[in-house]
Amino acid sequence: MMTRVAVLRGGPSSEYDVSLKTGANVLAALAPKYKTKDILISKDGTWHMDGIPATPEKIARGVDVVFIALHGEYGEDGQVQRILHQLKVPYTGSEAWPSSVALNKALTKDHFRKHNIRTPHGMLVCNDEDVETLAARIFNKLSPPWFVKPNTGGSSIGAGLAKDIQSLINRLQESFKYSDTVIVEEAIMGREATCGVIDNFRNKKHYALFPIEIIKPKARDFFDYECKYDGSTQEICPGNFTAKEKQEMQNAALKVHKALGLRHYSRTDFIVSPRGIYTLEVNTLPGLTSESLFPKAMAAVGTNYLGFLEHLINLALKK
C-alpha cells in the first residue's frame, strides 16, 4: 500500500509564495511513489483539502505522515507542529519548541553565545519609540555599518544593510513592517556561506553536508530575497573554502543543530570574514524550490531530490 503524504504549503507568513513553490516541488517529486494530498493553508490560516476548507483533524485521519513545506510564521515557529503533535500524526522537521526558538533570532543568538558559537554583536529593539530616537540610541551602542532584520521570519524579507543614520532609520521602518521586534547587529563583511545538516545519514546521527559558497551579484549588498530566487546568484557546492574553513563551518552547523535540539534537517548561515567565521542564523525548514540550497548540497553528496525527500519521510515515520 502506498504511503499517504499530506504536503502542507502556503500559510499566513510573508514567505507564502516561497512555500507554494517548495510545496509544488515536493508534490511533483513524490507523486509517482506516494499517495499525496496537497494541503493549502490560506493567508488567513484556513486549511484546504481538494480546494475545500477542512479541519486539521479531518486531514490527519486520512494520511500517514505530513510533509511540512511551510516557511516563516505558523510553519516554522512551532504553531503547526503543536497541532500535528496533538493529532498524533508524524511530520517532517523539528518539533514545536526548538522550531519556536530557532525562528526567533534573538533567542537563537542567546543560544549561540551560551554554546560559544561566534555570532555578530547585536541588539534587539522594539517598535515602541520614535524611530529617529531609536536610531540615535543604536548609533551610540553599535558602530556602523549595521545589518537590520526582523526578529522573526526568513528569506531575508524586510532585512537590509544600513551605512549611515538615515539608511538605518529607513531600514528600521522597513523591518518593523514584518515584526514588532528587530535585530540590529554589526555588519560583518566577508563571503556568504551556508551549511546543511541531515539526521541519520551515512551511518552518522548528524551528518554535515558540504558548505555552499554564495556569490551574490555585485550590485547587491547581501544575499537578499530577490537574488535568492531570481537566478542571479552563483551558488558553489562544495564552496571554494580552505579545508579548515570548511571543517569549522561543518562543526558549527552540527553544534547549532544539536544545541537547539533540531531534528531531521537544518541549514545554518555564515559569513567567512578576515576576522573569522561568524554564525548568523539557522533555518529549520529550508526552502526546497528548484533554486534552493539544501537540495543542491544533497546532490553534491550523491543524493537526488526524491531520495532526500524519502529520507525525511522515513525519519518522520521512524523507518
C-alpha atoms as a PDB file:
ATOM      1  CA  MET A   1       0.000   0.000   0.000  1.00  0.00           C
ATOM      2  CA  MET A   2       1.309   3.463  -0.921  1.00  0.00           C
ATOM      3  CA  THR A   3       2.285   5.763   1.938  1.00  0.00           C
ATOM      4  CA  ARG A   4      -0.162   8.664   2.209  1.00  0.00           C
ATOM      5  CA  VAL A   5       1.650  12.005   2.458  1.00  0.00           C
ATOM      6  CA  ALA A   6      -0.025  15.354   3.110  1.00  0.00           C
ATOM      7  CA  VAL A   7       2.105  18.273   1.907  1.00  0.00           C
ATOM      8  CA  LEU A   8       1.376  21.480   3.832  1.00  0.00           C
ATOM      9  CA  ARG A   9       2.090  24.683   1.923  1.00  0.00           C
ATOM     10  CA  GLY A  10       1.101  28.352   1.882  1.00  0.00           C
ATOM     11  CA  GLY A  11       0.342  29.769   5.315  1.00  0.00           C
ATOM     12  CA  PRO A  12      -0.068  33.253   6.802  1.00  0.00           C
ATOM     13  CA  SER A  13       3.597  34.286   6.699  1.00  0.00           C
ATOM     14  CA  SER A  14       5.415  36.732   4.400  1.00  0.00           C
ATOM     15  CA  GLU A  15       7.026  33.650   2.799  1.00  0.00           C
ATOM     16  CA  TYR A  16       3.703  32.390   1.387  1.00  0.00           C
ATOM     17  CA  ASP A  17       4.925  32.465  -2.235  1.00  0.00           C
ATOM     18  CA  VAL A  18       8.173  30.611  -1.456  1.00  0.00           C
ATOM     19  CA  SER A  19       6.182  27.975   0.448  1.00  0.00           C
ATOM     20  CA  LEU A  20       3.897  27.455  -2.566  1.00  0.00           C
ATOM     21  CA  LYS A  21       6.987  26.746  -4.706  1.00  0.00           C
ATOM     22  CA  THR A  22       8.545  24.420  -2.115  1.00  0.00           C
ATOM     23  CA  GLY A  23       5.264  22.512  -1.779  1.00  0.00           C
ATOM     24  CA  ALA A  24       4.778  22.248  -5.548  1.00  0.00           C
ATOM     25  CA  ASN A  25       8.281  20.793  -5.966  1.00  0.00           C
ATOM     26  CA  VAL A  26       7.735  18.299  -3.154  1.00  0.00           C
ATOM     27  CA  LEU A  27       4.342  17.208  -4.537  1.00  0.00           C
ATOM     28  CA  ALA A  28       5.718  16.739  -8.062  1.00  0.00           C
ATOM     29  CA  ALA A  29       8.679  14.680  -6.847  1.00  0.00           C
ATOM     30  CA  LEU A  30       6.615  12.435  -4.530  1.00  0.00           C
ATOM     31  CA  ALA A  31       3.663  11.841  -6.870  1.00  0.00           C
ATOM     32  CA  PRO A  32       4.958   8.689  -8.640  1.00  0.00           C
ATOM     33  CA  LYS A  33       5.749   6.772  -5.421  1.00  0.00           C
ATOM     34  CA  TYR A  34       3.370   8.178  -2.806  1.00  0.00           C
ATOM     35  CA  LYS A  35      -0.306   8.954  -2.448  1.00  0.00           C
ATOM     36  CA  THR A  36      -0.079  12.709  -1.975  1.00  0.00           C
ATOM     37  CA  LYS A  37      -2.549  15.279  -0.689  1.00  0.00           C
ATOM     38  CA  ASP A  38      -1.983  18.952  -1.478  1.00  0.00           C
ATOM     39  CA  ILE A  39      -2.977  20.820   1.694  1.00  0.00           C
ATOM     40  CA  LEU A  40      -3.106  24.561   1.106  1.00  0.00           C
ATOM     41  CA  ILE A  41      -3.200  26.861   4.105  1.00  0.00           C
ATOM     42  CA  SER A  42      -4.534  30.244   3.023  1.00  0.00           C
ATOM     43  CA  LYS A  43      -3.133  33.561   4.225  1.00  0.00           C
ATOM     44  CA  ASP A  44      -5.926  33.774   6.819  1.00  0.00           C
ATOM     45  CA  GLY A  45      -4.845  30.394   8.262  1.00  0.00           C
ATOM     46  CA  THR A  46      -7.678  28.242   6.833  1.00  0.00           C
ATOM     47  CA  TRP A  47      -6.647  24.694   5.840  1.00  0.00           C
ATOM     48  CA  HIS A  48      -7.922  23.413   2.466  1.00  0.00           C
ATOM     49  CA  MET A  49      -8.000  19.874   1.043  1.00  0.00           C
ATOM     50  CA  ASP A  50      -9.077  19.369  -2.596  1.00  0.00           C
ATOM     51  CA  GLY A  51      -9.850  23.089  -2.725  1.00  0.00           C
ATOM     52  CA  ILE A  52     -12.388  22.846   0.129  1.00  0.00           C
ATOM     53  CA  PRO A  53     -11.859  24.130   3.702  1.00  0.00           C
ATOM     54  CA  ALA A  54     -11.131  21.207   6.022  1.00  0.00           C
ATOM     55  CA  THR A  55     -10.122  20.862   9.659  1.00  0.00           C
ATOM     56  CA  PRO A  56      -6.628  19.604  10.546  1.00  0.00           C
ATOM     57  CA  GLU A  57      -8.357  16.711  12.353  1.00  0.00           C
ATOM     58  CA  LYS A  58     -10.105  15.555   9.177  1.00  0.00           C
ATOM     59  CA  ILE A  59      -6.911  15.845   7.121  1.00  0.00           C
ATOM     60  CA  ALA A  60      -4.859  13.944   9.711  1.00  0.00           C
ATOM     61  CA  ARG A  61      -7.268  10.992   9.694  1.00  0.00           C
ATOM     62  CA  GLY A  62      -6.542  10.276   6.036  1.00  0.00           C
ATOM     63  CA  VAL A  63      -2.728  10.420   5.964  1.00  0.00           C
ATOM     64  CA  ASP A  64       0.277   8.528   7.314  1.00  0.00           C
ATOM     65  CA  VAL A  65       2.694  11.465   7.506  1.00  0.00           C
ATOM     66  CA  VAL A  66       2.724  15.231   6.965  1.00  0.00           C
ATOM     67  CA  PHE A  67       5.484  16.886   4.961  1.00  0.00           C
ATOM     68  CA  ILE A  68       5.751  20.476   6.203  1.00  0.00           C
ATOM     69  CA  ALA A  69       6.602  22.728   3.259  1.00  0.00           C
ATOM     70  CA  LEU A  70       5.733  25.929   5.138  1.00  0.00           C
ATOM     71  CA  HIS A  71       8.198  28.735   5.888  1.00  0.00           C
ATOM     72  CA  GLY A  72       8.241  31.507   8.483  1.00  0.00           C
ATOM     73  CA  GLU A  73       5.409  32.350  10.864  1.00  0.00           C
ATOM     74  CA  TYR A  74       2.984  29.498  11.663  1.00  0.00           C
ATOM     75  CA  GLY A  75       5.063  26.905   9.782  1.00  0.00           C
ATOM     76  CA  GLU A  76       8.469  27.343  11.402  1.00  0.00           C
ATOM     77  CA  ASP A  77       7.546  28.865  14.756  1.00  0.00           C
ATOM     78  CA  GLY A  78       6.074  25.729  16.328  1.00  0.00           C
ATOM     79  CA  GLN A  79       2.367  26.515  15.784  1.00  0.00           C
ATOM     80  CA  VAL A  80       1.647  23.887  13.136  1.00  0.00           C
ATOM     81  CA  GLN A  81       3.949  21.411  14.908  1.00  0.00           C
ATOM     82  CA  ARG A  82       1.839  21.695  18.085  1.00  0.00           C
ATOM     83  CA  ILE A  83      -1.332  20.981  16.088  1.00  0.00           C
ATOM     84  CA  LEU A  84       0.208  17.901  14.426  1.00  0.00           C
ATOM     85  CA  HIS A  85       1.648  16.649  17.735  1.00  0.00           C
ATOM     86  CA  GLN A  86      -1.785  16.880  19.384  1.00  0.00           C
ATOM     87  CA  LEU A  87      -3.266  14.951  16.447  1.00  0.00           C
ATOM     88  CA  LYS A  88      -0.540  12.307  16.852  1.00  0.00           C
ATOM     89  CA  VAL A  89       0.397  12.443  13.165  1.00  0.00           C
ATOM     90  CA  PRO A  90       4.104  12.138  12.214  1.00  0.00           C
ATOM     91  CA  TYR A  91       5.615  15.160  10.450  1.00  0.00           C
ATOM     92  CA  THR A  92       8.924  16.217   8.911  1.00  0.00           C
ATOM     93  CA  GLY A  93      11.232  18.748  10.528  1.00  0.00           C
ATOM     94  CA  SER A  94      11.899  19.934  14.057  1.00  0.00           C
ATOM     95  CA  GLU A  95       9.425  19.753  16.917  1.00  0.00           C
ATOM     96  CA  ALA A  96       7.458  22.711  18.267  1.00  0.00           C
ATOM     97  CA  TRP A  97       9.738  24.155  20.968  1.00  0.00           C
ATOM     98  CA  PRO A  98      13.032  24.035  19.001  1.00  0.00           C
ATOM     99  CA  SER A  99      11.193  25.487  15.988  1.00  0.00           C
ATOM    100  CA  SER A 100       9.888  28.436  18.018  1.00  0.00           C
ATOM    101  CA  VAL A 101      13.362  29.176  19.403  1.00  0.00           C
ATOM    102  CA  ALA A 102      15.089  28.913  16.011  1.00  0.00           C
ATOM    103  CA  LEU A 103      12.665  31.288  14.264  1.00  0.00           C
ATOM    104  CA  ASN A 104      13.263  33.925  16.956  1.00  0.00           C
ATOM    105  CA  LYS A 105      16.652  35.378  16.001  1.00  0.00           C
ATOM    106  CA  ALA A 106      17.252  36.967  19.422  1.00  0.00           C
ATOM    107  CA  LEU A 107      16.661  33.657  21.248  1.00  0.00           C
ATOM    108  CA  THR A 108      18.818  31.873  18.676  1.00  0.00           C
ATOM    109  CA  LYS A 109      21.687  34.320  19.248  1.00  0.00           C
ATOM    110  CA  ASP A 110      21.343  33.734  23.018  1.00  0.00           C
ATOM    111  CA  HIS A 111      21.820  30.004  22.380  1.00  0.00           C
ATOM    112  CA  PHE A 112      24.819  30.718  20.135  1.00  0.00           C
ATOM    113  CA  ARG A 113      26.509  32.753  22.875  1.00  0.00           C
ATOM    114  CA  LYS A 114      25.658  30.164  25.533  1.00  0.00           C
ATOM    115  CA  HIS A 115      27.339  27.440  23.455  1.00  0.00           C
ATOM    116  CA  ASN A 116      30.357  29.594  22.443  1.00  0.00           C
ATOM    117  CA  ILE A 117      29.289  29.848  18.807  1.00  0.00           C
ATOM    118  CA  ARG A 118      30.728  33.049  17.318  1.00  0.00           C
ATOM    119  CA  THR A 119      27.981  35.420  16.144  1.00  0.00           C
ATOM    120  CA  PRO A 120      27.954  39.158  15.356  1.00  0.00           C
ATOM    121  CA  HIS A 121      27.363  41.594  18.231  1.00  0.00           C
ATOM    122  CA  GLY A 122      23.836  42.914  18.103  1.00  0.00           C
ATOM    123  CA  MET A 123      20.836  44.250  19.961  1.00  0.00           C
ATOM    124  CA  LEU A 124      17.113  43.589  19.955  1.00  0.00           C
ATOM    125  CA  VAL A 125      14.961  46.725  19.548  1.00  0.00           C
ATOM    126  CA  CYS A 126      11.206  47.217  19.844  1.00  0.00           C
ATOM    127  CA  ASN A 127       8.745  49.280  17.857  1.00  0.00           C
ATOM    128  CA  ASP A 128       7.739  51.320  20.905  1.00  0.00           C
ATOM    129  CA  GLU A 129       9.624  54.601  20.449  1.00  0.00           C
ATOM    130  CA  ASP A 130      10.292  57.242  17.830  1.00  0.00           C
ATOM    131  CA  VAL A 131      12.435  55.645  15.107  1.00  0.00           C
ATOM    132  CA  GLU A 132      14.849  58.630  14.935  1.00  0.00           C
ATOM    133  CA  THR A 133      15.464  58.398  18.696  1.00  0.00           C
ATOM    134  CA  LEU A 134      15.930  54.637  18.379  1.00  0.00           C
ATOM    135  CA  ALA A 135      18.453  55.066  15.548  1.00  0.00           C
ATOM    136  CA  ALA A 136      20.458  57.537  17.655  1.00  0.00           C
ATOM    137  CA  ARG A 137      20.477  55.068  20.567  1.00  0.00           C
ATOM    138  CA  ILE A 138      21.716  52.291  18.276  1.00  0.00           C
ATOM    139  CA  PHE A 139      24.439  54.595  16.886  1.00  0.00           C
ATOM    140  CA  ASN A 140      25.721  55.186  20.439  1.00  0.00           C
ATOM    141  CA  LYS A 141      25.951  51.448  21.134  1.00  0.00           C
ATOM    142  CA  LEU A 142      26.994  49.899  17.804  1.00  0.00           C
ATOM    143  CA  SER A 143      29.329  51.296  15.158  1.00  0.00           C
ATOM    144  CA  PRO A 144      28.170  51.366  11.506  1.00  0.00           C
ATOM    145  CA  PRO A 145      27.627  49.639   9.171  1.00  0.00           C
ATOM    146  CA  TRP A 146      24.710  47.696  10.605  1.00  0.00           C
ATOM    147  CA  PHE A 147      22.647  44.770   9.416  1.00  0.00           C
ATOM    148  CA  VAL A 148      18.950  45.164  10.257  1.00  0.00           C
ATOM    149  CA  LYS A 149      16.420  42.306  10.119  1.00  0.00           C
ATOM    150  CA  PRO A 150      13.023  41.354  11.558  1.00  0.00           C
ATOM    151  CA  ASN A 151      13.405  39.196  14.667  1.00  0.00           C
ATOM    152  CA  THR A 152      11.171  36.528  13.125  1.00  0.00           C
ATOM    153  CA  GLY A 153      10.770  35.377   9.530  1.00  0.00           C
ATOM    154  CA  GLY A 154      13.106  34.298   6.781  1.00  0.00           C
ATOM    155  CA  SER A 155      14.098  34.586   3.117  1.00  0.00           C
ATOM    156  CA  SER A 156      15.718  37.930   4.078  1.00  0.00           C
ATOM    157  CA  ILE A 157      12.307  39.620   3.790  1.00  0.00           C
ATOM    158  CA  GLY A 158      12.480  43.070   5.416  1.00  0.00           C
ATOM    159  CA  ALA A 159      16.237  42.770   6.027  1.00  0.00           C
ATOM    160  CA  GLY A 160      18.984  45.052   4.780  1.00  0.00           C
ATOM    161  CA  LEU A 161      22.278  46.852   5.246  1.00  0.00           C
ATOM    162  CA  ALA A 162      22.496  50.378   6.720  1.00  0.00           C
ATOM    163  CA  LYS A 163      25.634  52.500   6.419  1.00  0.00           C
ATOM    164  CA  ASP A 164      24.534  55.800   7.983  1.00  0.00           C
ATOM    165  CA  ILE A 165      21.842  57.179  10.295  1.00  0.00           C
ATOM    166  CA  GLN A 166      19.317  57.924   7.536  1.00  0.00           C
ATOM    167  CA  SER A 167      19.633  54.472   5.961  1.00  0.00           C
ATOM    168  CA  LEU A 168      19.386  52.957   9.475  1.00  0.00           C
ATOM    169  CA  ILE A 169      16.090  54.828  10.011  1.00  0.00           C
ATOM    170  CA  ASN A 170      14.820  53.586   6.636  1.00  0.00           C
ATOM    171  CA  ARG A 171      15.853  50.001   7.348  1.00  0.00           C
ATOM    172  CA  LEU A 172      14.244  50.013  10.804  1.00  0.00           C
ATOM    173  CA  GLN A 173      10.978  51.279   9.309  1.00  0.00           C
ATOM    174  CA  GLU A 174      11.088  48.501   6.690  1.00  0.00           C
ATOM    175  CA  SER A 175      11.878  45.731   9.201  1.00  0.00           C
ATOM    176  CA  PHE A 176       9.139  46.885  11.592  1.00  0.00           C
ATOM    177  CA  LYS A 177       6.610  46.179   8.820  1.00  0.00           C
ATOM    178  CA  TYR A 178       7.276  42.460   9.382  1.00  0.00           C
ATOM    179  CA  SER A 179       7.957  42.220  13.117  1.00  0.00           C
ATOM    180  CA  ASP A 180       7.427  44.338  16.236  1.00  0.00           C
ATOM    181  CA  THR A 181      10.952  43.429  17.292  1.00  0.00           C
ATOM    182  CA  VAL A 182      14.045  43.857  15.139  1.00  0.00           C
ATOM    183  CA  ILE A 183      17.656  42.688  15.366  1.00  0.00           C
ATOM    184  CA  VAL A 184      20.367  45.263  14.649  1.00  0.00           C
ATOM    185  CA  GLU A 185      23.857  43.821  14.506  1.00  0.00           C
ATOM    186  CA  GLU A 186      27.320  44.777  13.369  1.00  0.00           C
ATOM    187  CA  ALA A 187      27.615  44.094   9.644  1.00  0.00           C
ATOM    188  CA  ILE A 188      30.427  41.596   9.141  1.00  0.00           C
ATOM    189  CA  MET A 189      31.894  41.918   5.669  1.00  0.00           C
ATOM    190  CA  GLY A 190      33.010  38.710   4.005  1.00  0.00           C
ATOM    191  CA  ARG A 191      31.946  35.747   1.887  1.00  0.00           C
ATOM    192  CA  GLU A 192      28.482  34.340   2.441  1.00  0.00           C
ATOM    193  CA  ALA A 193      28.056  30.626   3.045  1.00  0.00           C
ATOM    194  CA  THR A 194      25.570  28.084   4.324  1.00  0.00           C
ATOM    195  CA  CYS A 195      25.899  24.522   5.612  1.00  0.00           C
ATOM    196  CA  GLY A 196      23.202  21.868   5.931  1.00  0.00           C
ATOM    197  CA  VAL A 197      22.841  19.084   8.489  1.00  0.00           C
ATOM    198  CA  ILE A 198      20.766  15.942   7.996  1.00  0.00           C
ATOM    199  CA  ASP A 199      19.995  13.274  10.588  1.00  0.00           C
ATOM    200  CA  ASN A 200      20.745   9.532  10.432  1.00  0.00           C
ATOM    201  CA  PHE A 201      22.586   9.740   7.149  1.00  0.00           C
ATOM    202  CA  ARG A 202      25.505   7.544   6.062  1.00  0.00           C
ATOM    203  CA  ASN A 203      25.826   5.921   9.468  1.00  0.00           C
ATOM    204  CA  LYS A 204      26.050   9.239  11.315  1.00  0.00           C
ATOM    205  CA  LYS A 205      23.438  10.508  13.770  1.00  0.00           C
ATOM    206  CA  HIS A 206      24.013  14.057  12.449  1.00  0.00           C
ATOM    207  CA  TYR A 207      25.738  14.485   9.081  1.00  0.00           C
ATOM    208  CA  ALA A 208      27.138  17.840   7.937  1.00  0.00           C
ATOM    209  CA  LEU A 209      26.916  18.496   4.208  1.00  0.00           C
ATOM    210  CA  PHE A 210      29.437  20.462   2.153  1.00  0.00           C
ATOM    211  CA  PRO A 211      29.275  24.228   2.849  1.00  0.00           C
ATOM    212  CA  ILE A 212      27.874  26.177  -0.105  1.00  0.00           C
ATOM    213  CA  GLU A 213      29.542  29.417  -1.182  1.00  0.00           C
ATOM    214  CA  ILE A 214      27.036  32.116  -2.133  1.00  0.00           C
ATOM    215  CA  ILE A 215      28.322  34.733  -4.596  1.00  0.00           C
ATOM    216  CA  LYS A 216      25.730  37.476  -4.920  1.00  0.00           C
ATOM    217  CA  PRO A 217      25.577  39.963  -7.808  1.00  0.00           C
ATOM    218  CA  LYS A 218      27.979  42.873  -7.246  1.00  0.00           C
ATOM    219  CA  ALA A 219      25.112  45.354  -7.306  1.00  0.00           C
ATOM    220  CA  ARG A 220      23.551  43.724  -4.210  1.00  0.00           C
ATOM    221  CA  ASP A 221      24.610  44.468  -0.622  1.00  0.00           C
ATOM    222  CA  PHE A 222      23.834  40.926   0.530  1.00  0.00           C
ATOM    223  CA  PHE A 223      22.015  37.675  -0.401  1.00  0.00           C
ATOM    224  CA  ASP A 224      18.562  39.296  -0.363  1.00  0.00           C
ATOM    225  CA  TYR A 225      15.093  37.956  -1.250  1.00  0.00           C
ATOM    226  CA  GLU A 226      15.367  38.874  -4.953  1.00  0.00           C
ATOM    227  CA  CYS A 227      18.716  37.245  -5.602  1.00  0.00           C
ATOM    228  CA  LYS A 228      17.681  34.186  -3.566  1.00  0.00           C
ATOM    229  CA  TYR A 229      15.050  33.357  -6.185  1.00  0.00           C
ATOM    230  CA  ASP A 230      15.815  35.226  -9.433  1.00  0.00           C
ATOM    231  CA  GLY A 231      18.748  33.039 -10.520  1.00  0.00           C
ATOM    232  CA  SER A 232      21.272  35.906 -10.417  1.00  0.00           C
ATOM    233  CA  THR A 233      23.358  34.436  -7.584  1.00  0.00           C
ATOM    234  CA  GLN A 234      26.174  31.950  -8.082  1.00  0.00           C
ATOM    235  CA  GLU A 235      25.985  29.062  -5.622  1.00  0.00           C
ATOM    236  CA  ILE A 236      29.038  26.809  -5.493  1.00  0.00           C
ATOM    237  CA  CYS A 237      28.875  23.443  -3.758  1.00  0.00           C
ATOM    238  CA  PRO A 238      31.318  22.469  -2.422  1.00  0.00           C
ATOM    239  CA  GLY A 239      32.344  26.098  -1.863  1.00  0.00           C
ATOM    240  CA  ASN A 240      35.849  27.383  -2.520  1.00  0.00           C
ATOM    241  CA  PHE A 241      36.891  27.337   1.115  1.00  0.00           C
ATOM    242  CA  THR A 242      40.034  26.055   2.770  1.00  0.00           C
ATOM    243  CA  ALA A 243      39.829  22.666   4.482  1.00  0.00           C
ATOM    244  CA  LYS A 244      39.999  24.492   7.826  1.00  0.00           C
ATOM    245  CA  GLU A 245      37.155  26.887   6.929  1.00  0.00           C
ATOM    246  CA  LYS A 246      35.019  24.031   5.635  1.00  0.00           C
ATOM    247  CA  GLN A 247      35.589  21.998   8.789  1.00  0.00           C
ATOM    248  CA  GLU A 248      34.847  24.975  11.043  1.00  0.00           C
ATOM    249  CA  MET A 249      31.510  25.615   9.311  1.00  0.00           C
ATOM    250  CA  GLN A 250      30.524  21.947   9.392  1.00  0.00           C
ATOM    251  CA  ASN A 251      31.383  21.746  13.100  1.00  0.00           C
ATOM    252  CA  ALA A 252      29.430  24.948  13.825  1.00  0.00           C
ATOM    253  CA  ALA A 253      26.379  23.739  11.831  1.00  0.00           C
ATOM    254  CA  LEU A 254      26.399  20.471  13.789  1.00  0.00           C
ATOM    255  CA  LYS A 255      26.806  22.373  17.071  1.00  0.00           C
ATOM    256  CA  VAL A 256      23.847  24.649  16.230  1.00  0.00           C
ATOM    257  CA  HIS A 257      21.661  21.682  15.188  1.00  0.00           C
ATOM    258  CA  LYS A 258      22.373  19.884  18.471  1.00  0.00           C
ATOM    259  CA  ALA A 259      22.352  22.958  20.751  1.00  0.00           C
ATOM    260  CA  LEU A 260      18.859  23.946  19.620  1.00  0.00           C
ATOM    261  CA  GLY A 261      17.571  20.352  19.673  1.00  0.00           C
ATOM    262  CA  LEU A 262      16.672  20.373  15.972  1.00  0.00           C
ATOM    263  CA  ARG A 263      15.726  17.206  14.094  1.00  0.00           C
ATOM    264  CA  HIS A 264      15.659  15.727  10.587  1.00  0.00           C
ATOM    265  CA  TYR A 265      17.406  18.644   8.823  1.00  0.00           C
ATOM    266  CA  SER A 266      18.546  22.229   9.233  1.00  0.00           C
ATOM    267  CA  ARG A 267      20.692  24.796   7.418  1.00  0.00           C
ATOM    268  CA  THR A 268      22.954  27.325   9.130  1.00  0.00           C
ATOM    269  CA  ASP A 269      24.143  30.558   7.501  1.00  0.00           C
ATOM    270  CA  PHE A 270      27.628  32.013   7.898  1.00  0.00           C
ATOM    271  CA  ILE A 271      29.880  34.930   6.976  1.00  0.00           C
ATOM    272  CA  VAL A 272      33.521  34.000   6.316  1.00  0.00           C
ATOM    273  CA  SER A 273      35.458  37.170   7.099  1.00  0.00           C
ATOM    274  CA  PRO A 274      39.110  38.108   7.722  1.00  0.00           C
ATOM    275  CA  ARG A 275      38.122  38.337  11.410  1.00  0.00           C
ATOM    276  CA  GLY A 276      36.896  34.726  11.445  1.00  0.00           C
ATOM    277  CA  ILE A 277      33.748  32.761  10.657  1.00  0.00           C
ATOM    278  CA  TYR A 278      30.508  34.152  12.111  1.00  0.00           C
ATOM    279  CA  THR A 279      27.292  32.171  12.537  1.00  0.00           C
ATOM    280  CA  LEU A 280      24.271  34.256  11.513  1.00  0.00           C
ATOM    281  CA  GLU A 281      21.110  32.179  11.906  1.00  0.00           C
ATOM    282  CA  VAL A 282      19.585  28.754  11.349  1.00  0.00           C
ATOM    283  CA  ASN A 283      16.709  27.550   9.131  1.00  0.00           C
ATOM    284  CA  THR A 284      14.646  24.647  10.477  1.00  0.00           C
ATOM    285  CA  LEU A 285      12.613  24.228   7.261  1.00  0.00           C
ATOM    286  CA  PRO A 286      14.988  25.289   4.479  1.00  0.00           C
ATOM    287  CA  GLY A 287      13.447  26.116   1.105  1.00  0.00           C
ATOM    288  CA  LEU A 288      13.097  23.196  -1.288  1.00  0.00           C
ATOM    289  CA  THR A 289      12.357  25.067  -4.524  1.00  0.00           C
ATOM    290  CA  SER A 290      14.317  24.449  -7.726  1.00  0.00           C
ATOM    291  CA  GLU A 291      16.567  27.403  -6.731  1.00  0.00           C
ATOM    292  CA  SER A 292      17.044  26.286  -3.105  1.00  0.00           C
ATOM    293  CA  LEU A 293      20.349  25.488  -1.466  1.00  0.00           C
ATOM    294  CA  PHE A 294      19.637  22.329   0.549  1.00  0.00           C
ATOM    295  CA  PRO A 295      18.785  20.098  -2.454  1.00  0.00           C
ATOM    296  CA  LYS A 296      21.998  21.306  -4.146  1.00  0.00           C
ATOM    297  CA  ALA A 297      24.027  20.285  -1.088  1.00  0.00           C
ATOM    298  CA  MET A 298      22.359  16.851  -1.076  1.00  0.00           C
ATOM    299  CA  ALA A 299      23.111  16.426  -4.802  1.00  0.00           C
ATOM    300  CA  ALA A 300      26.774  17.208  -4.090  1.00  0.00           C
ATOM    301  CA  VAL A 301      26.953  14.118  -1.853  1.00  0.00           C
ATOM    302  CA  GLY A 302      25.161  11.953  -4.429  1.00  0.00           C
ATOM    303  CA  THR A 303      21.553  12.049  -3.227  1.00  0.00           C
ATOM    304  CA  ASN A 304      18.874  13.205  -5.663  1.00  0.00           C
ATOM    305  CA  TYR A 305      15.827  15.282  -4.740  1.00  0.00           C
ATOM    306  CA  LEU A 306      13.407  12.358  -4.380  1.00  0.00           C
ATOM    307  CA  GLY A 307      15.945  10.370  -2.364  1.00  0.00           C
ATOM    308  CA  PHE A 308      16.321  13.328   0.007  1.00  0.00           C
ATOM    309  CA  LEU A 309      12.534  13.716   0.433  1.00  0.00           C
ATOM    310  CA  GLU A 310      12.141   9.982   1.044  1.00  0.00           C
ATOM    311  CA  HIS A 311      14.833  10.146   3.711  1.00  0.00           C
ATOM    312  CA  LEU A 312      12.921  12.915   5.526  1.00  0.00           C
ATOM    313  CA  ILE A 313       9.639  10.976   5.297  1.00  0.00           C
ATOM    314  CA  ASN A 314      11.331   7.851   6.663  1.00  0.00           C
ATOM    315  CA  LEU A 315      12.806   9.890   9.529  1.00  0.00           C
ATOM    316  CA  ALA A 316       9.318  11.182  10.364  1.00  0.00           C
ATOM    317  CA  LEU A 317       7.916   7.632  10.202  1.00  0.00           C
ATOM    318  CA  LYS A 318      10.978   6.389  12.174  1.00  0.00           C
ATOM    319  CA  LYS A 319      11.766   3.802   9.492  1.00  0.00           C
END
